Amino acid sequence: LYTGDTGAFDADGYLSILGRKKEMVIVSGFNVYPREVEDALGLHPSVHEAAVIGRPDPSTGEKLVAFIVPREEVTVDALRAHLAERLVRYKWPAEIALVDELPRTPVGKVDRVALAKQ
């Protein structure tokens, strides 16, 4: 059954879902799944919700852009320092925007198409 999801097995044989194949972003030739970056951002205590999308970039092909709904006041520098401890450099968002809320589809999922237009 082809679902469009991508995953990986860990050393113990457990399968982790990495994200949707169509949402994968290629940054300087490296595959980056937005869900992995969103999960890392979500570990920061000041982050209520995060969404990451890819945008065209002339130097890297694509770049990551993160939209953050903060739980409390947080700086972009604090978020970058947080990511530096958890992700390799090419997985860091080139841009981080702090927003009041994320756009939603009628079924309640984050509307990535609307984010791309922002």
PDB file of N, CA and C in Angstrom:
ATOM      1  N   LEU A   1       0.852  -1.180   0.000  1.00  0.00           N
ATOM      2  CA  LEU A   1       0.000   0.000   0.000  1.00  0.00           C
ATOM      3  C   LEU A   1       0.892   1.235   0.000  1.00  0.00           C
ATOM      4  N   TYR A   2       0.770   2.056  -1.005  1.00  0.00           N
ATOM      5  CA  TYR A   2       1.543   3.289  -1.105  1.00  0.00           C
ATOM      6  C   TYR A   2       0.746   4.420  -0.463  1.00  0.00           C
ATOM      7  N   THR A   3       1.312   5.014   0.588  1.00  0.00           N
ATOM      8  CA  THR A   3       0.603   6.079   1.298  1.00  0.00           C
ATOM      9  C   THR A   3       1.197   7.467   1.053  1.00  0.00           C
ATOM     10  N   GLY A   4       2.436   7.531   0.572  1.00  0.00           N
ATOM     11  CA  GLY A   4       3.102   8.812   0.403  1.00  0.00           C
ATOM     12  C   GLY A   4       3.873   9.235   1.644  1.00  0.00           C
ATOM     13  N   ASP A   5       3.801   8.418   2.703  1.00  0.00           N
ATOM     14  CA  ASP A   5       4.566   8.696   3.924  1.00  0.00           C
ATOM     15  C   ASP A   5       5.982   8.132   3.770  1.00  0.00           C
ATOM     16  N   THR A   6       6.935   8.756   4.440  1.00  0.00           N
ATOM     17  CA  THR A   6       8.297   8.230   4.468  1.00  0.00           C
ATOM     18  C   THR A   6       8.647   7.910   5.913  1.00  0.00           C
ATOM     19  N   GLY A   7       9.485   6.910   6.089  1.00  0.00           N
ATOM     20  CA  GLY A   7       9.842   6.493   7.437  1.00  0.00           C
ATOM     21  C   GLY A   7      11.229   5.885   7.483  1.00  0.00           C
ATOM     22  N   ALA A   8      11.651   5.551   8.674  1.00  0.00           N
ATOM     23  CA  ALA A   8      12.954   4.926   8.883  1.00  0.00           C
ATOM     24  C   ALA A   8      12.866   4.028  10.110  1.00  0.00           C
ATOM     25  N   PHE A   9      13.631   2.937  10.052  1.00  0.00           N
ATOM     26  CA  PHE A   9      13.721   2.039  11.195  1.00  0.00           C
ATOM     27  C   PHE A   9      14.899   2.453  12.059  1.00  0.00           C
ATOM     28  N   ASP A  10      14.716   2.429  13.390  1.00  0.00           N
ATOM     29  CA  ASP A  10      15.829   2.734  14.289  1.00  0.00           C
ATOM     30  C   ASP A  10      16.591   1.455  14.603  1.00  0.00           C
ATOM     31  N   ALA A  11      17.606   1.557  15.447  1.00  0.00           N
ATOM     32  CA  ALA A  11      18.464   0.418  15.781  1.00  0.00           C
ATOM     33  C   ALA A  11      17.691  -0.717  16.447  1.00  0.00           C
ATOM     34  N   ASP A  12      16.584  -0.407  17.118  1.00  0.00           N
ATOM     35  CA  ASP A  12      15.773  -1.429  17.789  1.00  0.00           C
ATOM     36  C   ASP A  12      14.687  -2.015  16.881  1.00  0.00           C
ATOM     37  N   GLY A  13      14.623  -1.538  15.641  1.00  0.00           N
ATOM     38  CA  GLY A  13      13.641  -2.060  14.701  1.00  0.00           C
ATOM     39  C   GLY A  13      12.305  -1.348  14.697  1.00  0.00           C
ATOM     40  N   TYR A  14      12.197  -0.231  15.420  1.00  0.00           N
ATOM     41  CA  TYR A  14      10.953   0.525  15.443  1.00  0.00           C
ATOM     42  C   TYR A  14      10.889   1.481  14.254  1.00  0.00           C
ATOM     43  N   LEU A  15       9.729   1.580  13.659  1.00  0.00           N
ATOM     44  CA  LEU A  15       9.516   2.459  12.512  1.00  0.00           C
ATOM     45  C   LEU A  15       9.054   3.828  12.992  1.00  0.00           C
ATOM     46  N   SER A  16       9.708   4.872  12.486  1.00  0.00           N
ATOM     47  CA  SER A  16       9.300   6.248  12.767  1.00  0.00           C
ATOM     48  C   SER A  16       8.865   6.889  11.463  1.00  0.00           C
ATOM     49  N   ILE A  17       7.724   7.558  11.474  1.00  0.00           N
ATOM     50  CA  ILE A  17       7.255   8.282  10.302  1.00  0.00           C
ATOM     51  C   ILE A  17       7.982   9.618  10.260  1.00  0.00           C
ATOM     52  N   LEU A  18       8.659   9.897   9.142  1.00  0.00           N
ATOM     53  CA  LEU A  18       9.415  11.133   8.996  1.00  0.00           C
ATOM     54  C   LEU A  18       8.575  12.260   8.416  1.00  0.00           C
ATOM     55  N   GLY A  19       7.617  11.921   7.601  1.00  0.00           N
ATOM     56  CA  GLY A  19       6.780  12.947   6.995  1.00  0.00           C
ATOM     57  C   GLY A  19       6.223  12.470   5.669  1.00  0.00           C
ATOM     58  N   ARG A  20       5.630  13.400   4.928  1.00  0.00           N
ATOM     59  CA  ARG A  20       5.062  13.100   3.619  1.00  0.00           C
ATOM     60  C   ARG A  20       6.112  13.344   2.551  1.00  0.00           C
ATOM     61  N   LYS A  21       6.193  12.458   1.578  1.00  0.00           N
ATOM     62  CA  LYS A  21       7.187  12.591   0.526  1.00  0.00           C
ATOM     63  C   LYS A  21       7.025  13.914  -0.226  1.00  0.00           C
ATOM     64  N   LYS A  22       5.782  14.326  -0.479  1.00  0.00           N
ATOM     65  CA  LYS A  22       5.566  15.557  -1.235  1.00  0.00           C
ATOM     66  C   LYS A  22       5.920  16.807  -0.426  1.00  0.00           C
ATOM     67  N   GLU A  23       6.063  16.691   0.888  1.00  0.00           N
ATOM     68  CA  GLU A  23       6.432  17.834   1.723  1.00  0.00           C
ATOM     69  C   GLU A  23       7.944  17.939   1.911  1.00  0.00           C
ATOM     70  N   MET A  24       8.682  16.926   1.446  1.00  0.00           N
ATOM     71  CA  MET A  24      10.134  16.925   1.606  1.00  0.00           C
ATOM     72  C   MET A  24      10.735  18.145   0.907  1.00  0.00           C
ATOM     73  N   VAL A  25      11.731  18.758   1.558  1.00  0.00           N
ATOM     74  CA  VAL A  25      12.416  19.930   1.023  1.00  0.00           C
ATOM     75  C   VAL A  25      13.859  19.510   0.750  1.00  0.00           C
ATOM     76  N   ILE A  26      14.381  19.895  -0.409  1.00  0.00           N
ATOM     77  CA  ILE A  26      15.767  19.565  -0.745  1.00  0.00           C
ATOM     78  C   ILE A  26      16.596  20.829  -0.585  1.00  0.00           C
ATOM     79  N   VAL A  27      17.446  20.838   0.453  1.00  0.00           N
ATOM     80  CA  VAL A  27      18.293  21.984   0.782  1.00  0.00           C
ATOM     81  C   VAL A  27      19.732  21.613   0.438  1.00  0.00           C
ATOM     82  N   SER A  28      20.292  22.274  -0.561  1.00  0.00           N
ATOM     83  CA  SER A  28      21.669  22.016  -1.007  1.00  0.00           C
ATOM     84  C   SER A  28      21.918  20.527  -1.270  1.00  0.00           C
ATOM     85  N   GLY A  29      20.922  19.850  -1.813  1.00  0.00           N
ATOM     86  CA  GLY A  29      21.060  18.435  -2.140  1.00  0.00           C
ATOM     87  C   GLY A  29      20.703  17.485  -1.014  1.00  0.00           C
ATOM     88  N   PHE A  30      20.380  17.990   0.157  1.00  0.00           N
ATOM     89  CA  PHE A  30      20.017  17.155   1.313  1.00  0.00           C
ATOM     90  C   PHE A  30      18.496  17.123   1.475  1.00  0.00           C
ATOM     91  N   ASN A  31      17.959  15.935   1.741  1.00  0.00           N
ATOM     92  CA  ASN A  31      16.526  15.792   1.993  1.00  0.00           C
ATOM     93  C   ASN A  31      16.205  16.196   3.424  1.00  0.00           C
ATOM     94  N   VAL A  32      15.257  17.098   3.580  1.00  0.00           N
ATOM     95  CA  VAL A  32      14.829  17.545   4.905  1.00  0.00           C
ATOM     96  C   VAL A  32      13.310  17.390   4.979  1.00  0.00           C
ATOM     97  N   TYR A  33      12.851  16.724   6.028  1.00  0.00           N
ATOM     98  CA  TYR A  33      11.426  16.562   6.241  1.00  0.00           C
ATOM     99  C   TYR A  33      10.963  17.610   7.252  1.00  0.00           C
ATOM    100  N   PRO A  34      10.010  18.462   6.872  1.00  0.00           N
ATOM    101  CA  PRO A  34       9.537  19.515   7.772  1.00  0.00           C
ATOM    102  C   PRO A  34       9.109  18.992   9.142  1.00  0.00           C
ATOM    103  N   ARG A  35       8.543  17.808   9.182  1.00  0.00           N
ATOM    104  CA  ARG A  35       8.078  17.276  10.468  1.00  0.00           C
ATOM    105  C   ARG A  35       9.227  17.131  11.472  1.00  0.00           C
ATOM    106  N   GLU A  36      10.391  16.729  11.000  1.00  0.00           N
ATOM    107  CA  GLU A  36      11.541  16.587  11.894  1.00  0.00           C
ATOM    108  C   GLU A  36      11.922  17.934  12.517  1.00  0.00           C
ATOM    109  N   VAL A  37      11.898  18.980  11.710  1.00  0.00           N
ATOM    110  CA  VAL A  37      12.233  20.323  12.199  1.00  0.00           C
ATOM    111  C   VAL A  37      11.125  20.817  13.136  1.00  0.00           C
ATOM    112  N   GLU A  38       9.872  20.564  12.772  1.00  0.00           N
ATOM    113  CA  GLU A  38       8.744  20.959  13.628  1.00  0.00           C
ATOM    114  C   GLU A  38       8.818  20.265  14.981  1.00  0.00           C
ATOM    115  N   ASP A  39       9.159  18.979  14.976  1.00  0.00           N
ATOM    116  CA  ASP A  39       9.280  18.244  16.246  1.00  0.00           C
ATOM    117  C   ASP A  39      10.391  18.827  17.113  1.00  0.00           C
ATOM    118  N   ALA A  40      11.525  19.192  16.502  1.00  0.00           N
ATOM    119  CA  ALA A  40      12.631  19.783  17.266  1.00  0.00           C
ATOM    120  C   ALA A  40      12.222  21.138  17.833  1.00  0.00           C
ATOM    121  N   LEU A  41      11.540  21.947  17.047  1.00  0.00           N
ATOM    122  CA  LEU A  41      11.066  23.250  17.542  1.00  0.00           C
ATOM    123  C   LEU A  41      10.044  23.071  18.657  1.00  0.00           C
ATOM    124  N   GLY A  42       9.195  22.060  18.522  1.00  0.00           N
ATOM    125  CA  GLY A  42       8.159  21.807  19.518  1.00  0.00           C
ATOM    126  C   GLY A  42       8.704  21.417  20.884  1.00  0.00           C
ATOM    127  N   LEU A  43       9.962  21.002  20.946  1.00  0.00           N
ATOM    128  CA  LEU A  43      10.581  20.656  22.225  1.00  0.00           C
ATOM    129  C   LEU A  43      10.969  21.889  23.043  1.00  0.00           C
ATOM    130  N   HIS A  44      10.995  23.056  22.403  1.00  0.00           N
ATOM    131  CA  HIS A  44      11.321  24.284  23.137  1.00  0.00           C
ATOM    132  C   HIS A  44      10.121  24.644  24.015  1.00  0.00           C
ATOM    133  N   PRO A  45      10.329  24.939  25.291  1.00  0.00           N
ATOM    134  CA  PRO A  45       9.203  25.205  26.197  1.00  0.00           C
ATOM    135  C   PRO A  45       8.359  26.423  25.825  1.00  0.00           C
ATOM    136  N   SER A  46       8.906  27.349  25.050  1.00  0.00           N
ATOM    137  CA  SER A  46       8.154  28.549  24.676  1.00  0.00           C
ATOM    138  C   SER A  46       7.382  28.397  23.375  1.00  0.00           C
ATOM    139  N   VAL A  47       7.506  27.243  22.724  1.00  0.00           N
ATOM    140  CA  VAL A  47       6.828  27.036  21.443  1.00  0.00           C
ATOM    141  C   VAL A  47       5.528  26.265  21.664  1.00  0.00           C
ATOM    142  N   HIS A  48       4.429  26.884  21.281  1.00  0.00           N
ATOM    143  CA  HIS A  48       3.128  26.228  21.365  1.00  0.00           C
ATOM    144  C   HIS A  48       2.909  25.332  20.147  1.00  0.00           C
ATOM    145  N   GLU A  49       3.254  25.859  18.975  1.00  0.00           N
ATOM    146  CA  GLU A  49       3.018  25.140  17.730  1.00  0.00           C
ATOM    147  C   GLU A  49       4.010  25.634  16.679  1.00  0.00           C
ATOM    148  N   ALA A  50       4.409  24.729  15.777  1.00  0.00           N
ATOM    149  CA  ALA A  50       5.350  25.090  14.720  1.00  0.00           C
ATOM    150  C   ALA A  50       4.938  24.431  13.417  1.00  0.00           C
ATOM    151  N   ALA A  51       5.167  25.142  12.322  1.00  0.00           N
ATOM    152  CA  ALA A  51       4.953  24.596  10.983  1.00  0.00           C
ATOM    153  C   ALA A  51       6.132  25.030  10.119  1.00  0.00           C
ATOM    154  N   VAL A  52       6.633  24.113   9.312  1.00  0.00           N
ATOM    155  CA  VAL A  52       7.800  24.388   8.474  1.00  0.00           C
ATOM    156  C   VAL A  52       7.444  24.063   7.031  1.00  0.00           C
ATOM    157  N   ILE A  53       7.814  24.966   6.125  1.00  0.00           N
ATOM    158  CA  ILE A  53       7.590  24.756   4.699  1.00  0.00           C
ATOM    159  C   ILE A  53       8.892  25.029   3.952  1.00  0.00           C
ATOM    160  N   GLY A  54       8.918  24.642   2.683  1.00  0.00           N
ATOM    161  CA  GLY A  54      10.052  24.954   1.823  1.00  0.00           C
ATOM    162  C   GLY A  54       9.689  26.056   0.857  1.00  0.00           C
ATOM    163  N   ARG A  55      10.666  26.881   0.546  1.00  0.00           N
ATOM    164  CA  ARG A  55      10.509  27.946  -0.448  1.00  0.00           C
ATOM    165  C   ARG A  55      11.710  27.907  -1.383  1.00  0.00           C
ATOM    166  N   PRO A  56      11.532  28.303  -2.648  1.00  0.00           N
ATOM    167  CA  PRO A  56      12.671  28.346  -3.572  1.00  0.00           C
ATOM    168  C   PRO A  56      13.749  29.300  -3.070  1.00  0.00           C
ATOM    169  N   ASP A  57      14.999  28.920  -3.316  1.00  0.00           N
ATOM    170  CA  ASP A  57      16.135  29.747  -2.921  1.00  0.00           C
ATOM    171  C   ASP A  57      17.194  29.648  -4.018  1.00  0.00           C
ATOM    172  N   PRO A  58      17.705  30.785  -4.490  1.00  0.00           N
ATOM    173  CA  PRO A  58      18.661  30.734  -5.598  1.00  0.00           C
ATOM    174  C   PRO A  58      19.989  30.056  -5.255  1.00  0.00           C
ATOM    175  N   SER A  59      20.399  30.095  -4.005  1.00  0.00           N
ATOM    176  CA  SER A  59      21.701  29.517  -3.657  1.00  0.00           C
ATOM    177  C   SER A  59      21.634  28.065  -3.194  1.00  0.00           C
ATOM    178  N   THR A  60      20.528  27.651  -2.583  1.00  0.00           N
ATOM    179  CA  THR A  60      20.445  26.279  -2.055  1.00  0.00           C
ATOM    180  C   THR A  60      19.385  25.423  -2.746  1.00  0.00           C
ATOM    181  N   GLY A  61      18.673  25.974  -3.718  1.00  0.00           N
ATOM    182  CA  GLY A  61      17.585  25.254  -4.366  1.00  0.00           C
ATOM    183  C   GLY A  61      16.270  25.494  -3.641  1.00  0.00           C
ATOM    184  N   GLU A  62      16.244  25.118  -2.372  1.00  0.00           N
ATOM    185  CA  GLU A  62      15.106  25.405  -1.501  1.00  0.00           C
ATOM    186  C   GLU A  62      15.638  25.798  -0.134  1.00  0.00           C
ATOM    187  N   LYS A  63      14.827  26.517   0.614  1.00  0.00           N
ATOM    188  CA  LYS A  63      15.171  26.857   1.992  1.00  0.00           C
ATOM    189  C   LYS A  63      13.981  26.554   2.878  1.00  0.00           C
ATOM    190  N   LEU A  64      14.258  26.365   4.149  1.00  0.00           N
ATOM    191  CA  LEU A  64      13.203  26.106   5.125  1.00  0.00           C
ATOM    192  C   LEU A  64      12.741  27.409   5.751  1.00  0.00           C
ATOM    193  N   VAL A  65      11.439  27.523   5.929  1.00  0.00           N
ATOM    194  CA  VAL A  65      10.843  28.677   6.603  1.00  0.00           C
ATOM    195  C   VAL A  65       9.950  28.122   7.706  1.00  0.00           C
ATOM    196  N   ALA A  66      10.184  28.563   8.945  1.00  0.00           N
ATOM    197  CA  ALA A  66       9.413  28.086  10.095  1.00  0.00           C
ATOM    198  C   ALA A  66       8.460  29.183  10.571  1.00  0.00           C
ATOM    199  N   PHE A  67       7.242  28.775  10.860  1.00  0.00           N
ATOM    200  CA  PHE A  67       6.237  29.656  11.443  1.00  0.00           C
ATOM    201  C   PHE A  67       5.969  29.140  12.848  1.00  0.00           C
ATOM    202  N   ILE A  68       6.165  29.986  13.840  1.00  0.00           N
ATOM    203  CA  ILE A  68       6.078  29.598  15.242  1.00  0.00           C
ATOM    204  C   ILE A  68       4.948  30.352  15.927  1.00  0.00           C
ATOM    205  N   VAL A  69       4.096  29.607  16.616  1.00  0.00           N
ATOM    206  CA  VAL A  69       3.104  30.210  17.510  1.00  0.00           C
ATOM    207  C   VAL A  69       3.694  30.057  18.916  1.00  0.00           C
ATOM    208  N   PRO A  70       4.158  31.157  19.503  1.00  0.00           N
ATOM    209  CA  PRO A  70       4.789  31.043  20.821  1.00  0.00           C
ATOM    210  C   PRO A  70       3.778  30.868  21.947  1.00  0.00           C
ATOM    211  N   ARG A  71       4.198  30.119  22.954  1.00  0.00           N
ATOM    212  CA  ARG A  71       3.403  29.944  24.174  1.00  0.00           C
ATOM    213  C   ARG A  71       3.633  31.157  25.084  1.00  0.00           C
ATOM    214  N   GLU A  72       4.844  31.644  25.028  1.00  0.00           N
ATOM    215  CA  GLU A  72       5.262  32.827  25.792  1.00  0.00           C
ATOM    216  C   GLU A  72       6.312  33.536  24.961  1.00  0.00           C
ATOM    217  N   GLU A  73       6.774  34.672  25.398  1.00  0.00           N
ATOM    218  CA  GLU A  73       7.735  35.443  24.619  1.00  0.00           C
ATOM    219  C   GLU A  73       9.020  34.641  24.400  1.00  0.00           C
ATOM    220  N   VAL A  74       9.473  34.635  23.159  1.00  0.00           N
ATOM    221  CA  VAL A  74      10.695  33.921  22.787  1.00  0.00           C
ATOM    222  C   VAL A  74      11.347  34.684  21.637  1.00  0.00           C
ATOM    223  N   THR A  75      12.663  34.613  21.557  1.00  0.00           N
ATOM    224  CA  THR A  75      13.376  35.291  20.477  1.00  0.00           C
ATOM    225  C   THR A  75      13.796  34.282  19.409  1.00  0.00           C
ATOM    226  N   VAL A  76      14.006  34.801  18.221  1.00  0.00           N
ATOM    227  CA  VAL A  76      14.483  33.959  17.126  1.00  0.00           C
ATOM    228  C   VAL A  76      15.857  33.397  17.467  1.00  0.00           C
ATOM    229  N   ASP A  77      16.691  34.189  18.110  1.00  0.00           N
ATOM    230  CA  ASP A  77      18.026  33.704  18.504  1.00  0.00           C
ATOM    231  C   ASP A  77      17.938  32.535  19.475  1.00  0.00           C
ATOM    232  N   ALA A  78      16.995  32.586  20.397  1.00  0.00           N
ATOM    233  CA  ALA A  78      16.818  31.474  21.341  1.00  0.00           C
ATOM    234  C   ALA A  78      16.376  30.206  20.615  1.00  0.00           C
ATOM    235  N   LEU A  79      15.508  30.368  19.619  1.00  0.00           N
ATOM    236  CA  LEU A  79      15.058  29.213  18.841  1.00  0.00           C
ATOM    237  C   LEU A  79      16.202  28.624  18.014  1.00  0.00           C
ATOM    238  N   ARG A  80      17.024  29.489  17.429  1.00  0.00           N
ATOM    239  CA  ARG A  80      18.178  29.007  16.657  1.00  0.00           C
ATOM    240  C   ARG A  80      19.164  28.253  17.560  1.00  0.00           C
ATOM    241  N   ALA A  81      19.408  28.765  18.756  1.00  0.00           N
ATOM    242  CA  ALA A  81      20.302  28.084  19.698  1.00  0.00           C
ATOM    243  C   ALA A  81      19.726  26.727  20.090  1.00  0.00           C
ATOM    244  N   HIS A  82      18.432  26.661  20.265  1.00  0.00           N
ATOM    245  CA  HIS A  82      17.745  25.410  20.592  1.00  0.00           C
ATOM    246  C   HIS A  82      17.933  24.389  19.464  1.00  0.00           C
ATOM    247  N   LEU A  83      17.751  24.839  18.226  1.00  0.00           N
ATOM    248  CA  LEU A  83      17.902  23.943  17.084  1.00  0.00           C
ATOM    249  C   LEU A  83      19.346  23.494  16.897  1.00  0.00           C
ATOM    250  N   ALA A  84      20.293  24.358  17.238  1.00  0.00           N
ATOM    251  CA  ALA A  84      21.710  24.017  17.094  1.00  0.00           C
ATOM    252  C   ALA A  84      22.088  22.797  17.934  1.00  0.00           C
ATOM    253  N   GLU A  85      21.368  22.573  19.021  1.00  0.00           N
ATOM    254  CA  GLU A  85      21.639  21.428  19.886  1.00  0.00           C
ATOM    255  C   GLU A  85      20.974  20.151  19.388  1.00  0.00           C
ATOM    256  N   ARG A  86      20.062  20.269  18.412  1.00  0.00           N
ATOM    257  CA  ARG A  86      19.248  19.115  18.024  1.00  0.00           C
ATOM    258  C   ARG A  86      19.339  18.708  16.555  1.00  0.00           C
ATOM    259  N   LEU A  87      19.691  19.634  15.682  1.00  0.00           N
ATOM    260  CA  LEU A  87      19.692  19.346  14.254  1.00  0.00           C
ATOM    261  C   LEU A  87      20.998  19.780  13.598  1.00  0.00           C
ATOM    262  N   VAL A  88      21.356  19.084  12.514  1.00  0.00           N
ATOM    263  CA  VAL A  88      22.515  19.514  11.739  1.00  0.00           C
ATOM    264  C   VAL A  88      22.177  20.816  11.039  1.00  0.00           C
ATOM    265  N   ARG A  89      23.172  21.573  10.673  1.00  0.00           N
ATOM    266  CA  ARG A  89      23.006  22.946  10.178  1.00  0.00           C
ATOM    267  C   ARG A  89      22.069  23.062   8.975  1.00  0.00           C
ATOM    268  N   TYR A  90      22.145  22.146   8.029  1.00  0.00           N
ATOM    269  CA  TYR A  90      21.322  22.287   6.832  1.00  0.00           C
ATOM    270  C   TYR A  90      19.828  22.090   7.117  1.00  0.00           C
ATOM    271  N   LYS A  91      19.473  21.601   8.306  1.00  0.00           N
ATOM    272  CA  LYS A  91      18.071  21.437   8.684  1.00  0.00           C
ATOM    273  C   LYS A  91      17.517  22.642   9.439  1.00  0.00           C
ATOM    274  N   TRP A  92      18.353  23.643   9.682  1.00  0.00           N
ATOM    275  CA  TRP A  92      17.874  24.841  10.369  1.00  0.00           C
ATOM    276  C   TRP A  92      17.070  25.701   9.392  1.00  0.00           C
ATOM    277  N   PRO A  93      15.959  26.262   9.821  1.00  0.00           N
ATOM    278  CA  PRO A  93      15.208  27.173   8.953  1.00  0.00           C
ATOM    279  C   PRO A  93      16.023  28.428   8.645  1.00  0.00           C
ATOM    280  N   ALA A  94      15.988  28.843   7.388  1.00  0.00           N
ATOM    281  CA  ALA A  94      16.655  30.081   6.986  1.00  0.00           C
ATOM    282  C   ALA A  94      15.894  31.284   7.522  1.00  0.00           C
ATOM    283  N   GLU A  95      14.589  31.117   7.686  1.00  0.00           N
ATOM    284  CA  GLU A  95      13.741  32.182   8.219  1.00  0.00           C
ATOM    285  C   GLU A  95      12.852  31.605   9.307  1.00  0.00           C
ATOM    286  N   ILE A  96      12.643  32.389  10.359  1.00  0.00           N
ATOM    287  CA  ILE A  96      11.716  32.011  11.425  1.00  0.00           C
ATOM    288  C   ILE A  96      10.780  33.187  11.647  1.00  0.00           C
ATOM    289  N   ALA A  97       9.489  32.926  11.514  1.00  0.00           N
ATOM    290  CA  ALA A  97       8.481  33.970  11.718  1.00  0.00           C
ATOM    291  C   ALA A  97       7.635  33.615  12.935  1.00  0.00           C
ATOM    292  N   LEU A  98       7.484  34.564  13.841  1.00  0.00           N
ATOM    293  CA  LEU A  98       6.609  34.396  14.996  1.00  0.00           C
ATOM    294  C   LEU A  98       5.228  34.915  14.607  1.00  0.00           C
ATOM    295  N   VAL A  99       4.219  34.055  14.721  1.00  0.00           N
ATOM    296  CA  VAL A  99       2.863  34.404  14.302  1.00  0.00           C
ATOM    297  C   VAL A  99       1.887  34.144  15.443  1.00  0.00           C
ATOM    298  N   ASP A 100       0.716  34.768  15.373  1.00  0.00           N
ATOM    299  CA  ASP A 100      -0.309  34.586  16.397  1.00  0.00           C
ATOM    300  C   ASP A 100      -1.019  33.247  16.266  1.00  0.00           C
ATOM    301  N   GLU A 101      -1.206  32.795  15.018  1.00  0.00           N
ATOM    302  CA  GLU A 101      -1.856  31.503  14.785  1.00  0.00           C
ATOM    303  C   GLU A 101      -1.476  30.998  13.399  1.00  0.00           C
ATOM    304  N   LEU A 102      -1.644  29.699  13.204  1.00  0.00           N
ATOM    305  CA  LEU A 102      -1.371  29.080  11.915  1.00  0.00           C
ATOM    306  C   LEU A 102      -2.687  28.907  11.165  1.00  0.00           C
ATOM    307  N   PRO A 103      -2.686  29.127   9.845  1.00  0.00           N
ATOM    308  CA  PRO A 103      -3.916  28.921   9.084  1.00  0.00           C
ATOM    309  C   PRO A 103      -4.284  27.435   9.068  1.00  0.00           C
ATOM    310  N   ARG A 104      -5.562  27.155   9.067  1.00  0.00           N
ATOM    311  CA  ARG A 104      -6.054  25.769   9.133  1.00  0.00           C
ATOM    312  C   ARG A 104      -6.959  25.468   7.946  1.00  0.00           C
ATOM    313  N   THR A 105      -6.977  24.202   7.564  1.00  0.00           N
ATOM    314  CA  THR A 105      -7.931  23.728   6.566  1.00  0.00           C
ATOM    315  C   THR A 105      -9.262  23.502   7.279  1.00  0.00           C
ATOM    316  N   PRO A 106     -10.350  23.252   6.541  1.00  0.00           N
ATOM    317  CA  PRO A 106     -11.643  22.997   7.190  1.00  0.00           C
ATOM    318  C   PRO A 106     -11.636  21.802   8.144  1.00  0.00           C
ATOM    319  N   VAL A 107     -10.717  20.851   7.949  1.00  0.00           N
ATOM    320  CA  VAL A 107     -10.669  19.694   8.849  1.00  0.00           C
ATOM    321  C   VAL A 107      -9.715  19.912  10.022  1.00  0.00           C
ATOM    322  N   GLY A 108      -9.083  21.104  10.106  1.00  0.00           N
ATOM    323  CA  GLY A 108      -8.262  21.434  11.259  1.00  0.00           C
ATOM    324  C   GLY A 108      -6.767  21.233  11.093  1.00  0.00           C
ATOM    325  N   LYS A 109      -6.319  20.766   9.929  1.00  0.00           N
ATOM    326  CA  LYS A 109      -4.882  20.605   9.701  1.00  0.00           C
ATOM    327  C   LYS A 109      -4.266  21.946   9.338  1.00  0.00           C
ATOM    328  N   VAL A 110      -2.953  22.077   9.578  1.00  0.00           N
ATOM    329  CA  VAL A 110      -2.247  23.297   9.188  1.00  0.00           C
ATOM    330  C   VAL A 110      -2.300  23.413   7.667  1.00  0.00           C
ATOM    331  N   ASP A 111      -2.691  24.565   7.184  1.00  0.00           N
ATOM    332  CA  ASP A 111      -2.811  24.821   5.748  1.00  0.00           C
ATOM    333  C   ASP A 111      -1.465  25.303   5.211  1.00  0.00           C
ATOM    334  N   ARG A 112      -0.681  24.374   4.703  1.00  0.00           N
ATOM    335  CA  ARG A 112       0.657  24.702   4.203  1.00  0.00           C
ATOM    336  C   ARG A 112       0.617  25.558   2.943  1.00  0.00           C
ATOM    337  N   VAL A 113      -0.434  25.418   2.153  1.00  0.00           N
ATOM    338  CA  VAL A 113      -0.582  26.242   0.955  1.00  0.00           C
ATOM    339  C   VAL A 113      -0.763  27.704   1.363  1.00  0.00           C
ATOM    340  N   ALA A 114      -1.581  27.963   2.364  1.00  0.00           N
ATOM    341  CA  ALA A 114      -1.777  29.330   2.860  1.00  0.00           C
ATOM    342  C   ALA A 114      -0.494  29.872   3.472  1.00  0.00           C
ATOM    343  N   LEU A 115       0.270  29.016   4.161  1.00  0.00           N
ATOM    344  CA  LEU A 115       1.551  29.453   4.726  1.00  0.00           C
ATOM    345  C   LEU A 115       2.510  29.865   3.617  1.00  0.00           C
ATOM    346  N   ALA A 116       2.544  29.102   2.537  1.00  0.00           N
ATOM    347  CA  ALA A 116       3.445  29.392   1.434  1.00  0.00           C
ATOM    348  C   ALA A 116       3.129  30.752   0.810  1.00  0.00           C
ATOM    349  N   LYS A 117       1.878  31.169   0.874  1.00  0.00           N
ATOM    350  CA  LYS A 117       1.479  32.465   0.307  1.00  0.00           C
ATOM    351  C   LYS A 117       1.820  33.633   1.211  1.00  0.00           C
ATOM    352  N   GLN A 118       2.091  33.363   2.492  1.00  0.00           N
ATOM    353  CA  GLN A 118       2.397  34.451   3.435  1.00  0.00           C
ATOM    354  C   GLN A 118       3.777  35.020   3.166  1.00  0.00           C
TER     355      GLN A 118
END
